[in-house]
């Protein structure tokens, strides 16, 4: 099972738990505290039908990462220098690739952290 499939499954379980607790007449705040998630997430999931949630989940799963073409560069750099901070990796990517897309430092951080976990 891929990481994306695991993520989709865990969100489906979360969706089911939220609706089960709501059927038990629990408050949004109680559900959020119990599941350790944001109350806005609870409201969002409660406002979705099963079909809407599945559509939303499929869209999230099929989303393409802007930084995917740079995976090889990042992985090779991390193999050579495992302690490279994400901010430095962002600078290296901008220097090495003139067509590097304009993304926030947090996007690069998330990407680097994901690659660290995978490799």
N, C-alpha and C. Protein backbone atom coordinates (compact mmCIF):
# COMPACT_ATOMS: atom_id res chain seq x y z
N UNK A 1 0.85 -1.18 0.00
CA UNK A 1 0.00 0.00 0.00
C UNK A 1 0.89 1.24 0.00
N UNK A 2 0.62 2.15 -0.93
CA UNK A 2 1.44 3.35 -1.03
C UNK A 2 1.10 4.33 0.10
N UNK A 3 1.96 5.31 0.25
CA UNK A 3 1.75 6.34 1.27
C UNK A 3 0.45 7.08 1.02
N UNK A 4 0.15 7.38 -0.25
CA UNK A 4 -1.08 8.09 -0.58
C UNK A 4 -2.31 7.25 -0.25
N UNK A 5 -2.23 5.97 -0.52
CA UNK A 5 -3.35 5.08 -0.21
C UNK A 5 -3.55 4.96 1.31
N UNK A 6 -2.45 4.90 2.05
CA UNK A 6 -2.56 4.85 3.50
C UNK A 6 -3.20 6.12 4.04
N UNK A 7 -2.79 7.26 3.47
CA UNK A 7 -3.34 8.54 3.89
C UNK A 7 -4.84 8.60 3.60
N UNK A 8 -5.22 8.12 2.41
CA UNK A 8 -6.64 8.13 2.05
C UNK A 8 -7.44 7.25 3.00
N UNK A 9 -6.92 6.09 3.32
CA UNK A 9 -7.60 5.17 4.23
C UNK A 9 -7.75 5.78 5.62
N UNK A 10 -6.71 6.42 6.12
CA UNK A 10 -6.78 7.02 7.45
C UNK A 10 -7.79 8.17 7.46
N UNK A 11 -7.88 8.93 6.37
CA UNK A 11 -8.87 10.01 6.30
C UNK A 11 -10.29 9.45 6.24
N UNK A 12 -10.45 8.32 5.56
CA UNK A 12 -11.76 7.69 5.49
C UNK A 12 -12.19 7.21 6.88
N UNK A 13 -11.26 6.65 7.63
CA UNK A 13 -11.56 6.22 9.00
C UNK A 13 -11.92 7.43 9.85
N UNK A 14 -11.17 8.51 9.70
CA UNK A 14 -11.44 9.74 10.43
C UNK A 14 -12.84 10.26 10.10
N UNK A 15 -13.19 10.27 8.82
CA UNK A 15 -14.51 10.72 8.38
C UNK A 15 -15.61 9.89 9.05
N UNK A 16 -15.42 8.57 9.06
CA UNK A 16 -16.42 7.67 9.67
C UNK A 16 -16.53 7.92 11.18
N UNK A 17 -15.40 8.12 11.85
CA UNK A 17 -15.43 8.38 13.29
C UNK A 17 -16.14 9.68 13.60
N UNK A 18 -15.87 10.71 12.82
CA UNK A 18 -16.52 12.00 13.04
C UNK A 18 -18.03 11.85 12.94
N UNK A 19 -18.49 11.17 11.91
CA UNK A 19 -19.93 11.00 11.73
C UNK A 19 -20.54 10.09 12.80
N UNK A 20 -19.80 9.10 13.25
CA UNK A 20 -20.30 8.23 14.31
C UNK A 20 -20.48 9.00 15.61
N UNK A 21 -19.46 9.82 15.95
CA UNK A 21 -19.57 10.63 17.17
C UNK A 21 -20.71 11.64 17.06
N UNK A 22 -20.89 12.20 15.87
CA UNK A 22 -21.97 13.18 15.69
C UNK A 22 -23.33 12.50 15.85
N UNK A 23 -23.44 11.26 15.36
CA UNK A 23 -24.68 10.50 15.53
C UNK A 23 -24.96 10.23 17.01
N UNK A 24 -23.90 10.19 17.80
CA UNK A 24 -24.04 10.01 19.25
C UNK A 24 -24.29 11.34 19.96
N UNK A 25 -24.53 12.39 19.18
CA UNK A 25 -24.87 13.73 19.69
C UNK A 25 -23.70 14.42 20.40
N UNK A 26 -22.48 14.10 20.00
CA UNK A 26 -21.31 14.77 20.57
C UNK A 26 -21.12 16.11 19.87
N UNK A 27 -20.56 17.07 20.58
CA UNK A 27 -20.35 18.40 20.01
C UNK A 27 -19.13 18.39 19.08
N UNK A 28 -19.07 19.39 18.23
CA UNK A 28 -17.94 19.53 17.31
C UNK A 28 -16.64 19.70 18.10
N UNK A 29 -16.69 20.51 19.13
CA UNK A 29 -15.50 20.73 19.97
C UNK A 29 -15.06 19.43 20.62
N UNK A 30 -16.01 18.65 21.14
CA UNK A 30 -15.70 17.38 21.79
C UNK A 30 -15.05 16.43 20.80
N UNK A 31 -15.62 16.35 19.59
CA UNK A 31 -15.08 15.46 18.55
C UNK A 31 -13.65 15.88 18.19
N UNK A 32 -13.47 17.18 18.01
CA UNK A 32 -12.14 17.70 17.65
C UNK A 32 -11.12 17.37 18.74
N UNK A 33 -11.49 17.58 19.98
CA UNK A 33 -10.58 17.28 21.08
C UNK A 33 -10.29 15.79 21.16
N UNK A 34 -11.32 14.98 21.01
CA UNK A 34 -11.18 13.53 21.10
C UNK A 34 -10.26 12.97 20.02
N UNK A 35 -10.43 13.49 18.79
CA UNK A 35 -9.65 12.98 17.67
C UNK A 35 -8.35 13.77 17.44
N UNK A 36 -8.16 14.80 18.26
CA UNK A 36 -6.96 15.65 18.17
C UNK A 36 -6.80 16.27 16.79
N UNK A 37 -7.90 16.85 16.30
CA UNK A 37 -7.89 17.57 15.02
C UNK A 37 -8.55 18.92 15.22
N UNK A 38 -8.46 19.76 14.23
CA UNK A 38 -9.04 21.09 14.28
C UNK A 38 -10.55 21.01 14.14
N UNK A 39 -11.26 21.88 14.85
CA UNK A 39 -12.72 21.90 14.78
C UNK A 39 -13.20 22.24 13.37
N UNK A 40 -12.42 23.02 12.63
CA UNK A 40 -12.79 23.34 11.25
C UNK A 40 -12.80 22.09 10.38
N UNK A 41 -11.88 21.19 10.64
CA UNK A 41 -11.84 19.92 9.90
C UNK A 41 -13.09 19.11 10.21
N UNK A 42 -13.48 19.09 11.47
CA UNK A 42 -14.69 18.37 11.85
C UNK A 42 -15.90 18.96 11.12
N UNK A 43 -16.02 20.28 11.13
CA UNK A 43 -17.15 20.94 10.44
C UNK A 43 -17.13 20.63 8.95
N UNK A 44 -15.93 20.66 8.36
CA UNK A 44 -15.81 20.39 6.93
C UNK A 44 -16.27 18.98 6.61
N UNK A 45 -15.83 18.01 7.38
CA UNK A 45 -16.20 16.62 7.13
C UNK A 45 -17.68 16.36 7.42
N UNK A 46 -18.23 17.04 8.42
CA UNK A 46 -19.65 16.88 8.72
C UNK A 46 -20.52 17.47 7.61
N UNK A 47 -20.00 18.47 6.94
CA UNK A 47 -20.74 19.11 5.85
C UNK A 47 -20.68 18.34 4.54
N UNK A 48 -19.91 17.27 4.50
CA UNK A 48 -19.75 16.48 3.27
C UNK A 48 -20.57 15.21 3.34
N UNK A 49 -21.20 14.87 2.23
CA UNK A 49 -21.82 13.56 2.11
C UNK A 49 -20.71 12.54 1.84
N UNK A 50 -21.06 11.28 1.89
CA UNK A 50 -20.08 10.22 1.61
C UNK A 50 -19.49 10.39 0.21
N UNK A 51 -20.36 10.68 -0.76
CA UNK A 51 -19.91 10.83 -2.16
C UNK A 51 -19.00 12.04 -2.30
N UNK A 52 -19.35 13.15 -1.64
CA UNK A 52 -18.51 14.35 -1.70
C UNK A 52 -17.15 14.08 -1.07
N UNK A 53 -17.15 13.36 0.06
CA UNK A 53 -15.89 13.05 0.71
C UNK A 53 -15.01 12.19 -0.18
N UNK A 54 -15.60 11.19 -0.82
CA UNK A 54 -14.82 10.31 -1.70
C UNK A 54 -14.25 11.10 -2.88
N UNK A 55 -15.05 12.01 -3.44
CA UNK A 55 -14.56 12.85 -4.53
C UNK A 55 -13.40 13.72 -4.05
N UNK A 56 -13.57 14.33 -2.88
CA UNK A 56 -12.53 15.17 -2.29
C UNK A 56 -11.26 14.35 -2.03
N UNK A 57 -11.44 13.17 -1.50
CA UNK A 57 -10.32 12.29 -1.19
C UNK A 57 -9.58 11.87 -2.46
N UNK A 58 -10.33 11.55 -3.51
CA UNK A 58 -9.72 11.18 -4.79
C UNK A 58 -8.94 12.35 -5.38
N UNK A 59 -9.51 13.56 -5.27
CA UNK A 59 -8.81 14.75 -5.78
C UNK A 59 -7.49 14.96 -5.03
N UNK A 60 -7.51 14.76 -3.73
CA UNK A 60 -6.31 14.94 -2.93
C UNK A 60 -5.26 13.88 -3.29
N UNK A 61 -5.73 12.67 -3.58
CA UNK A 61 -4.81 11.58 -3.88
C UNK A 61 -4.16 11.77 -5.26
N UNK A 62 -4.89 12.36 -6.18
CA UNK A 62 -4.39 12.52 -7.54
C UNK A 62 -3.65 13.84 -7.76
N UNK A 63 -3.52 14.61 -6.71
CA UNK A 63 -2.84 15.89 -6.82
C UNK A 63 -1.36 15.69 -7.13
N UNK A 64 -0.83 16.52 -7.99
CA UNK A 64 0.57 16.40 -8.39
C UNK A 64 1.41 17.40 -7.62
N UNK A 65 2.53 16.94 -7.13
CA UNK A 65 3.45 17.80 -6.39
C UNK A 65 4.27 18.62 -7.37
N UNK A 66 4.35 19.92 -7.16
CA UNK A 66 5.12 20.80 -8.05
C UNK A 66 6.61 20.46 -8.03
N UNK A 67 7.06 19.90 -6.94
CA UNK A 67 8.50 19.64 -6.78
C UNK A 67 8.91 18.23 -7.17
N UNK A 68 7.98 17.44 -7.65
CA UNK A 68 8.27 16.06 -8.03
C UNK A 68 9.44 15.93 -9.01
N UNK A 69 9.57 16.83 -10.01
CA UNK A 69 10.70 16.70 -10.94
C UNK A 69 12.08 16.85 -10.29
N UNK A 70 12.10 17.36 -9.08
CA UNK A 70 13.38 17.61 -8.40
C UNK A 70 13.71 16.55 -7.36
N UNK A 71 12.97 15.46 -7.36
CA UNK A 71 13.16 14.40 -6.37
C UNK A 71 14.58 13.84 -6.42
N UNK A 72 15.06 13.53 -7.61
CA UNK A 72 16.39 12.94 -7.75
C UNK A 72 17.47 13.84 -7.15
N UNK A 73 17.39 15.13 -7.47
CA UNK A 73 18.35 16.09 -6.95
C UNK A 73 18.33 16.10 -5.42
N UNK A 74 17.13 16.18 -4.85
CA UNK A 74 16.99 16.26 -3.40
C UNK A 74 17.48 14.97 -2.74
N UNK A 75 17.10 13.83 -3.28
CA UNK A 75 17.51 12.55 -2.70
C UNK A 75 19.03 12.39 -2.75
N UNK A 76 19.62 12.70 -3.89
CA UNK A 76 21.08 12.59 -4.02
C UNK A 76 21.79 13.51 -3.04
N UNK A 77 21.26 14.71 -2.90
CA UNK A 77 21.85 15.67 -1.97
C UNK A 77 21.73 15.17 -0.52
N UNK A 78 20.57 14.60 -0.20
CA UNK A 78 20.37 14.10 1.17
C UNK A 78 21.22 12.86 1.45
N UNK A 79 21.48 12.06 0.43
CA UNK A 79 22.36 10.90 0.62
C UNK A 79 23.78 11.36 0.90
N UNK A 80 24.19 12.39 0.18
CA UNK A 80 25.55 12.90 0.34
C UNK A 80 25.69 13.72 1.62
N UNK A 81 24.70 14.57 1.89
CA UNK A 81 24.70 15.45 3.07
C UNK A 81 23.37 15.32 3.80
N UNK A 82 23.21 14.31 4.65
CA UNK A 82 21.92 14.04 5.28
C UNK A 82 21.38 15.16 6.17
N UNK A 83 22.24 16.01 6.67
CA UNK A 83 21.79 17.06 7.58
C UNK A 83 21.46 18.37 6.87
N UNK A 84 21.34 18.36 5.56
CA UNK A 84 21.05 19.59 4.82
C UNK A 84 19.69 20.13 5.23
N UNK A 85 19.64 21.35 5.73
CA UNK A 85 18.35 21.94 6.11
C UNK A 85 17.50 22.25 4.87
N UNK A 86 16.20 22.29 5.05
CA UNK A 86 15.28 22.55 3.95
C UNK A 86 15.52 23.93 3.34
N UNK A 87 15.86 24.91 4.17
CA UNK A 87 16.11 26.26 3.65
C UNK A 87 17.31 26.26 2.71
N UNK A 88 18.34 25.54 3.08
CA UNK A 88 19.51 25.44 2.21
C UNK A 88 19.16 24.67 0.94
N UNK A 89 18.35 23.63 1.08
CA UNK A 89 17.92 22.85 -0.09
C UNK A 89 17.13 23.74 -1.05
N UNK A 90 16.31 24.62 -0.51
CA UNK A 90 15.53 25.56 -1.33
C UNK A 90 16.49 26.46 -2.13
N UNK A 91 17.50 26.99 -1.46
CA UNK A 91 18.49 27.83 -2.15
C UNK A 91 19.24 27.04 -3.22
N UNK A 92 19.63 25.82 -2.90
CA UNK A 92 20.35 24.99 -3.88
C UNK A 92 19.48 24.69 -5.10
N UNK A 93 18.22 24.42 -4.88
CA UNK A 93 17.31 24.16 -5.99
C UNK A 93 17.16 25.39 -6.88
N UNK A 94 17.04 26.56 -6.25
CA UNK A 94 16.90 27.80 -7.04
C UNK A 94 18.18 28.09 -7.83
N UNK A 95 19.33 27.79 -7.24
CA UNK A 95 20.60 28.02 -7.93
C UNK A 95 20.81 27.03 -9.07
N UNK A 96 20.44 25.78 -8.84
CA UNK A 96 20.70 24.72 -9.81
C UNK A 96 19.70 24.68 -10.95
N UNK A 97 18.50 25.15 -10.71
CA UNK A 97 17.44 25.08 -11.73
C UNK A 97 16.86 26.48 -11.95
N UNK A 98 17.22 27.12 -13.06
CA UNK A 98 16.70 28.47 -13.33
C UNK A 98 15.18 28.50 -13.50
N UNK A 99 14.59 27.35 -13.89
CA UNK A 99 13.14 27.29 -14.08
C UNK A 99 12.41 26.78 -12.83
N UNK A 100 13.09 26.78 -11.68
CA UNK A 100 12.48 26.30 -10.44
C UNK A 100 11.25 27.14 -10.12
N UNK A 101 10.11 26.49 -9.84
CA UNK A 101 8.87 27.25 -9.61
C UNK A 101 8.92 28.08 -8.33
N UNK A 102 8.14 29.12 -8.32
CA UNK A 102 8.04 29.99 -7.15
C UNK A 102 7.14 29.29 -6.12
N UNK A 103 7.74 28.74 -5.08
CA UNK A 103 7.00 28.04 -4.04
C UNK A 103 7.45 28.58 -2.68
N UNK A 104 6.61 28.39 -1.70
CA UNK A 104 6.95 28.89 -0.36
C UNK A 104 8.00 27.98 0.28
N UNK A 105 8.73 28.52 1.23
CA UNK A 105 9.72 27.71 1.95
C UNK A 105 9.07 26.51 2.66
N UNK A 106 7.83 26.68 3.10
CA UNK A 106 7.13 25.58 3.77
C UNK A 106 6.87 24.43 2.81
N UNK A 107 6.59 24.73 1.55
CA UNK A 107 6.39 23.69 0.54
C UNK A 107 7.67 22.88 0.37
N UNK A 108 8.78 23.57 0.29
CA UNK A 108 10.07 22.90 0.14
C UNK A 108 10.37 22.08 1.39
N UNK A 109 10.09 22.65 2.55
CA UNK A 109 10.31 21.93 3.81
C UNK A 109 9.51 20.62 3.83
N UNK A 110 8.22 20.71 3.49
CA UNK A 110 7.37 19.51 3.48
C UNK A 110 7.89 18.48 2.49
N UNK A 111 8.32 18.93 1.34
CA UNK A 111 8.85 18.04 0.31
C UNK A 111 10.12 17.35 0.79
N UNK A 112 11.03 18.11 1.36
CA UNK A 112 12.30 17.56 1.85
C UNK A 112 12.03 16.55 2.97
N UNK A 113 11.12 16.89 3.87
CA UNK A 113 10.80 15.98 4.96
C UNK A 113 10.18 14.68 4.44
N UNK A 114 9.33 14.79 3.44
CA UNK A 114 8.73 13.60 2.85
C UNK A 114 9.80 12.72 2.20
N UNK A 115 10.73 13.35 1.50
CA UNK A 115 11.81 12.58 0.87
C UNK A 115 12.72 11.95 1.91
N UNK A 116 12.97 12.63 3.00
CA UNK A 116 13.78 12.05 4.08
C UNK A 116 13.12 10.78 4.60
N UNK A 117 11.82 10.83 4.79
CA UNK A 117 11.09 9.67 5.30
C UNK A 117 11.11 8.51 4.31
N UNK A 118 10.91 8.82 3.03
CA UNK A 118 10.83 7.77 2.03
C UNK A 118 12.17 7.12 1.76
N UNK A 119 13.23 7.92 1.77
CA UNK A 119 14.55 7.40 1.43
C UNK A 119 15.45 7.40 2.65
